Protein backbone atom coordinates (compact mmCIF):
# COMPACT_ATOMS: atom_id res chain seq x y z
CA MET A 1 -4.14 9.86 3.36
CA GLY A 2 -7.36 11.82 3.01
CA ARG A 3 -8.28 10.12 -0.24
CA LEU A 4 -7.67 6.69 1.25
CA LYS A 5 -9.89 7.52 4.21
CA ASP A 6 -12.65 8.85 1.96
CA GLY A 7 -12.52 5.75 -0.24
CA VAL A 8 -12.75 3.43 2.75
CA THR A 9 -15.68 5.29 4.30
CA THR A 10 -17.56 5.55 0.99
CA LYS A 11 -17.33 1.82 0.37
CA ARG A 12 -18.35 0.91 3.91
CA THR A 13 -21.01 3.54 4.65
CA LYS A 14 -23.78 0.96 5.21
CA GLU A 15 -21.59 -1.15 7.48
CA ILE A 16 -20.56 1.90 9.49
CA GLY A 17 -24.21 2.99 9.78
CA ILE A 18 -25.24 -0.45 11.03
CA ARG A 19 -22.39 -0.52 13.54
CA MET A 20 -23.40 2.92 14.83
CA ALA A 21 -27.07 1.83 15.06
CA LEU A 22 -26.02 -1.22 17.08
CA GLY A 23 -24.16 0.97 19.55
CA SER A 24 -20.58 1.25 18.36
CA SER A 25 -18.86 4.34 19.64
CA ARG A 26 -17.26 6.95 17.43
CA TRP A 27 -13.92 5.78 18.81
CA LEU A 28 -14.48 2.21 17.54
CA ILE A 29 -15.63 3.45 14.13
CA SER A 30 -12.61 5.75 13.89
CA ARG A 31 -10.32 2.88 14.85
CA LEU A 32 -11.94 0.65 12.20
CA VAL A 33 -11.42 3.24 9.45
CA PHE A 34 -7.90 4.05 10.63
CA SER A 35 -6.88 0.37 10.62
CA ASP A 36 -8.25 -0.08 7.10
CA VAL A 37 -6.37 2.98 5.84
CA LEU A 38 -3.23 1.80 7.59
CA LYS A 39 -3.50 -1.62 5.92
CA LEU A 40 -3.87 -0.01 2.50
CA ALA A 41 -0.96 2.33 3.12
CA SER A 42 1.20 -0.54 4.35
CA ALA A 43 0.39 -2.59 1.26
CA GLY A 44 1.39 0.39 -0.87
CA MET A 45 4.70 0.72 0.95
CA VAL A 46 5.42 -3.00 0.57
CA ALA A 47 4.70 -2.74 -3.15
CA ALA A 48 7.02 0.27 -3.42
CA VAL A 49 9.82 -1.60 -1.64
CA ALA A 50 9.32 -4.60 -3.93
CA ILE A 51 9.51 -2.38 -6.99
CA LEU A 52 12.70 -0.77 -5.72
CA ALA A 53 14.18 -4.16 -4.89
CA ALA A 54 13.56 -5.26 -8.47
CA LEU A 55 14.51 -1.96 -10.08
CA LEU A 56 17.98 -1.57 -8.62
CA PRO A 57 19.41 -4.92 -9.86
CA ALA A 58 17.67 -4.48 -13.22
CA ARG A 59 19.21 -1.04 -13.63
CA LYS A 60 22.65 -2.39 -12.74
CA ALA A 61 22.28 -5.24 -15.23
CA ALA A 62 21.20 -2.83 -17.96
CA SER A 63 24.30 -0.70 -17.46
CA VAL A 64 26.77 -3.55 -18.07
CA GLU A 65 28.96 -3.22 -21.16
CA PRO A 66 28.51 -6.32 -23.35
CA SER A 67 32.13 -6.31 -24.50
CA GLU A 68 33.39 -6.42 -20.91
CA VAL A 69 31.12 -9.31 -20.03
CA LEU A 70 32.15 -11.29 -23.12
CA ARG A 71 35.86 -10.72 -22.39
CA ALA A 72 35.44 -11.88 -18.79
CA GLU A 73 34.16 -15.27 -19.92
């Protein structure tokens, strides 16, 4: 998670500086960064679930014996 946090803060340094200059508290800035990291992590988990959902049926289909399938028809 550290790398995600660092990437988010590096890309938004100016925005964070402006927010701090306008009076945002450290708590609000921390919450902003945390929510961004959480969104990225959630998107990664959704992608992982989608890959698994596609991988399991594909693996099962690849393990089918062609001769058994042709006999069944």
